[in-house]
């Protein structure tokens, strides 16, 4: 029975993803602005945001605004957002679009929108995402991230995980466990946003293609500023 229920949850998420209409460059632009807005609002309260020290040491960050959590006996979540990584000089590059999906069992009724942020400590996880479907907790260790300006004061646990995850829902921002959620490249939105068919996520994240729109510049500036806070 448990296996059947899990398969049903997975099928439900696939249907949600499949119902999405064709995307355009404007959709990507809107998503970048939303991601920048989420980051800005969360970091506006330093005592309750992502520790700048964690961002300063991060290799990459994924911001997925408005992840929808559905629930009626069988629960699940699905959303799309952006992934940004640093180059060898530490400069934040252009965004690649990603989707986040994860099934779970729950008794919630209705739908709930949640903003999700993932902070990546190493290139290993990013390489895994570029190879295809990437499952948090299975392909790389993931843990609820510490909150607060002072990283040492925020947690007594040594930061040994490769990925740290956060969520914001109904004004509450906190670390969250996302084990079992799948993260993968959104090829359709990448192609629309950069105006190139069959564009490779690796080329985007390595800075081989660019989009110098105002939204991209704003997101990169926010990451640069927040990561440099002492």
Protein backbone atom coordinates (compact mmCIF):
# COMPACT_ATOMS: atom_id res chain seq x y z
CA UNK A 1 0.00 0.00 0.00
CA UNK A 2 2.84 2.36 0.89
CA UNK A 3 4.55 1.75 -2.46
CA UNK A 4 1.33 2.42 -4.38
CA UNK A 5 0.78 5.65 -2.46
CA UNK A 6 4.34 6.82 -3.14
CA UNK A 7 3.96 6.07 -6.86
CA UNK A 8 0.71 8.02 -6.90
CA UNK A 9 2.47 10.99 -5.31
CA UNK A 10 5.20 10.86 -7.96
CA UNK A 11 2.59 10.67 -10.73
CA UNK A 12 0.77 13.64 -9.24
CA UNK A 13 3.92 15.75 -9.37
CA UNK A 14 4.59 14.76 -12.97
CA UNK A 15 1.07 15.83 -13.93
CA UNK A 16 1.53 19.17 -12.19
CA UNK A 17 4.76 19.74 -14.13
CA UNK A 18 3.17 18.55 -17.37
CA UNK A 19 0.27 20.97 -17.11
CA UNK A 20 2.60 24.00 -17.18
CA UNK A 21 2.12 26.08 -20.35
CA UNK A 22 4.95 26.85 -22.77
CA UNK A 23 7.36 29.33 -21.23
CA UNK A 24 8.70 32.56 -22.72
CA UNK A 25 11.66 34.82 -22.09
CA UNK A 26 9.32 37.06 -20.09
CA UNK A 27 8.51 34.15 -17.77
CA UNK A 28 12.20 33.72 -17.07
CA UNK A 29 12.64 37.44 -16.44
CA UNK A 30 9.76 37.41 -13.97
CA UNK A 31 11.26 34.42 -12.17
CA UNK A 32 14.64 36.15 -11.82
CA UNK A 33 12.97 39.24 -10.31
CA UNK A 34 10.96 37.05 -7.94
CA UNK A 35 14.10 35.22 -6.84
CA UNK A 36 15.87 38.54 -6.21
CA UNK A 37 12.86 39.75 -4.24
CA UNK A 38 12.79 36.64 -2.06
CA UNK A 39 16.49 36.95 -1.26
CA UNK A 40 16.19 40.67 -0.51
CA UNK A 41 13.23 40.25 1.83
CA UNK A 42 14.81 37.36 3.70
CA UNK A 43 18.15 39.11 4.18
CA UNK A 44 16.46 42.38 5.24
CA UNK A 45 16.36 41.04 8.82
CA UNK A 46 19.98 39.97 9.50
CA UNK A 47 19.11 38.25 12.79
CA UNK A 48 16.73 35.91 10.96
CA UNK A 49 18.34 35.54 7.52
CA UNK A 50 20.98 33.29 5.99
CA UNK A 51 24.34 33.81 7.74
CA UNK A 52 26.51 35.97 5.43
CA UNK A 53 29.48 33.77 6.32
CA UNK A 54 27.65 30.80 4.79
CA UNK A 55 26.94 32.77 1.61
CA UNK A 56 30.54 33.98 1.50
CA UNK A 57 31.81 30.39 1.43
CA UNK A 58 29.06 29.08 -0.86
CA UNK A 59 29.79 27.75 -4.33
CA UNK A 60 26.23 28.27 -5.49
CA UNK A 61 22.68 29.10 -4.47
CA UNK A 62 19.25 28.07 -5.75
CA UNK A 63 16.18 30.22 -5.09
CA UNK A 64 12.78 28.72 -5.87
CA UNK A 65 9.96 31.19 -5.19
CA UNK A 66 6.43 30.03 -4.57
CA UNK A 67 6.86 26.27 -4.34
CA UNK A 68 3.35 24.85 -4.22
CA UNK A 69 2.65 22.26 -1.56
CA UNK A 70 -0.44 20.20 -2.26
CA UNK A 71 -2.06 17.88 0.17
CA UNK A 72 -5.07 15.66 0.55
CA UNK A 73 -3.85 12.40 2.07
CA UNK A 74 -1.08 12.41 -0.55
CA UNK A 75 1.12 15.51 -0.46
CA UNK A 76 3.78 16.91 -2.74
CA UNK A 77 5.50 20.08 -3.81
CA UNK A 78 6.60 21.58 -7.09
CA UNK A 79 8.21 24.85 -8.14
CA UNK A 80 10.67 26.47 -10.53
CA UNK A 81 13.45 28.91 -9.79
CA UNK A 82 17.05 29.88 -10.50
CA UNK A 83 20.48 28.44 -9.77
CA UNK A 84 23.54 30.71 -9.65
CA UNK A 85 27.16 29.69 -9.07
CA UNK A 86 30.50 31.43 -8.70
CA UNK A 87 33.44 31.34 -11.07
CA UNK A 88 37.08 30.85 -10.06
CA UNK A 89 37.37 34.53 -9.16
CA UNK A 90 34.34 34.35 -6.90
CA UNK A 91 32.05 36.33 -9.22
CA UNK A 92 28.40 35.27 -9.33
CA UNK A 93 27.46 34.18 -12.84
CA UNK A 94 24.23 34.13 -14.88
CA UNK A 95 21.23 32.13 -13.64
CA UNK A 96 20.23 28.71 -14.90
CA UNK A 97 16.61 27.74 -14.36
CA UNK A 98 15.74 24.67 -12.30
CA UNK A 99 12.69 22.83 -11.02
CA UNK A 100 12.19 21.37 -7.55
CA UNK A 101 9.78 18.50 -6.94
CA UNK A 102 9.26 16.24 -3.98
CA UNK A 103 6.49 13.91 -2.88
CA UNK A 104 5.51 13.15 0.66
CA UNK A 105 2.72 11.73 2.71
CA UNK A 106 0.65 14.13 4.75
CA UNK A 107 -2.82 15.02 5.93
CA UNK A 108 -2.84 18.67 4.94
CA UNK A 109 -5.83 19.88 2.98
CA UNK A 110 -5.40 22.68 0.47
CA UNK A 111 -2.35 24.30 -1.10
CA UNK A 112 0.44 26.33 0.45
CA UNK A 113 3.07 28.48 -1.27
CA UNK A 114 6.60 28.35 0.13
CA UNK A 115 9.84 30.02 -0.94
CA UNK A 116 12.80 27.62 -0.93
CA UNK A 117 16.52 28.50 -0.85
CA UNK A 118 19.36 25.99 -1.19
CA UNK A 119 22.95 26.94 -0.43
CA UNK A 120 25.61 24.72 -2.04
CA UNK A 121 29.01 24.45 -0.39
CA UNK A 122 30.85 22.65 -3.19
CA UNK A 123 30.99 22.16 -6.93
CA UNK A 124 30.27 18.45 -6.57
CA UNK A 125 26.55 19.02 -6.03
CA UNK A 126 26.32 21.46 -8.96
CA UNK A 127 28.04 18.94 -11.24
CA UNK A 128 25.49 16.36 -10.15
CA UNK A 129 22.57 18.63 -11.02
CA UNK A 130 23.99 19.30 -14.49
CA UNK A 131 24.15 15.55 -15.17
CA UNK A 132 20.41 15.12 -14.72
CA UNK A 133 17.85 14.57 -11.98
CA UNK A 134 19.47 15.23 -8.60
CA UNK A 135 17.89 13.94 -5.38
CA UNK A 136 18.63 15.83 -2.19
CA UNK A 137 19.82 13.57 0.59
CA UNK A 138 20.62 10.71 -1.79
CA UNK A 139 23.03 12.30 -4.26
CA UNK A 140 24.33 14.80 -1.72
CA UNK A 141 23.84 15.40 1.99
CA UNK A 142 21.32 18.12 2.83
CA UNK A 143 20.45 19.69 6.17
CA UNK A 144 18.30 22.49 7.54
CA UNK A 145 20.42 25.61 7.37
CA UNK A 146 21.42 27.81 10.32
CA UNK A 147 19.72 31.19 10.67
CA UNK A 148 21.19 34.48 11.87
CA UNK A 149 24.01 36.92 11.18
CA UNK A 150 26.52 35.11 13.38
CA UNK A 151 27.15 31.67 11.92
CA UNK A 152 28.81 30.31 15.08
CA UNK A 153 25.97 31.55 17.26
CA UNK A 154 23.35 30.21 14.86
CA UNK A 155 24.26 26.56 15.28
CA UNK A 156 26.31 24.26 17.46
CA UNK A 157 26.47 21.66 14.70
CA UNK A 158 29.56 21.54 12.49
CA UNK A 159 28.63 22.43 8.93
CA UNK A 160 29.46 19.14 7.26
CA UNK A 161 26.55 18.87 4.82
CA UNK A 162 27.03 19.76 1.17
CA UNK A 163 23.72 21.60 0.90
CA UNK A 164 21.79 23.76 3.39
CA UNK A 165 18.09 24.33 2.84
CA UNK A 166 15.71 27.07 3.95
CA UNK A 167 12.03 27.86 3.56
CA UNK A 168 9.81 30.88 4.04
CA UNK A 169 6.08 30.47 4.44
CA UNK A 170 3.56 32.88 5.92
CA UNK A 171 6.36 35.19 7.02
CA UNK A 172 8.30 32.51 8.88
CA UNK A 173 11.86 31.83 7.66
CA UNK A 174 13.73 28.80 8.94
CA UNK A 175 15.92 25.89 7.97
CA UNK A 176 14.00 22.96 6.52
CA UNK A 177 14.77 19.36 5.69
CA UNK A 178 14.26 18.60 1.99
CA UNK A 179 15.56 15.05 1.82
CA UNK A 180 14.04 13.19 -1.10
CA UNK A 181 13.19 16.29 -3.14
CA UNK A 182 14.43 16.23 -6.74
CA UNK A 183 16.21 19.17 -8.32
CA UNK A 184 16.78 19.28 -12.07
CA UNK A 185 17.58 21.68 -14.89
CA UNK A 186 14.62 23.44 -16.55
CA UNK A 187 15.79 23.23 -20.17
CA UNK A 188 12.67 24.86 -21.60
CA UNK A 189 12.95 28.05 -19.56
CA UNK A 190 16.72 28.23 -20.16
CA UNK A 191 16.16 28.03 -23.93
CA UNK A 192 13.48 30.72 -23.84
CA UNK A 193 15.39 33.09 -21.55
CA UNK A 194 18.70 32.90 -23.43
CA UNK A 195 17.13 32.59 -26.89
CA UNK A 196 19.01 29.41 -27.78
CA UNK A 197 17.58 25.96 -28.40
CA UNK A 198 19.29 23.02 -26.72
CA UNK A 199 21.35 25.33 -24.55
CA UNK A 200 23.42 23.45 -21.97
CA UNK A 201 23.14 24.32 -18.29
CA UNK A 202 26.90 23.87 -18.00
CA UNK A 203 27.46 26.64 -20.56
CA UNK A 204 25.18 28.97 -18.59
CA UNK A 205 26.72 28.26 -15.20
CA UNK A 206 30.25 28.51 -16.61
CA UNK A 207 29.43 31.95 -18.02
CA UNK A 208 29.72 30.97 -21.70
CA UNK A 209 26.37 32.63 -22.38
CA UNK A 210 25.13 35.85 -20.85
CA UNK A 211 21.95 37.74 -20.18
CA UNK A 212 22.66 41.25 -18.94
CA UNK A 213 19.06 42.15 -18.15
CA UNK A 214 18.28 44.37 -15.15
CA UNK A 215 16.87 41.45 -13.17
CA UNK A 216 20.02 39.37 -13.57
CA UNK A 217 22.22 42.28 -12.55
CA UNK A 218 20.06 42.94 -9.49
CA UNK A 219 20.23 39.30 -8.38
CA UNK A 220 24.00 39.18 -8.85
CA UNK A 221 24.45 42.44 -6.93
CA UNK A 222 22.35 41.20 -4.02
CA UNK A 223 24.37 37.99 -3.80
CA UNK A 224 27.62 39.92 -3.98
CA UNK A 225 26.52 42.41 -1.28
CA UNK A 226 25.05 39.87 1.16
CA UNK A 227 28.02 37.52 0.86
CA UNK A 228 30.41 40.35 1.75
CA UNK A 229 28.64 41.37 4.99
CA UNK A 230 30.91 40.90 8.01
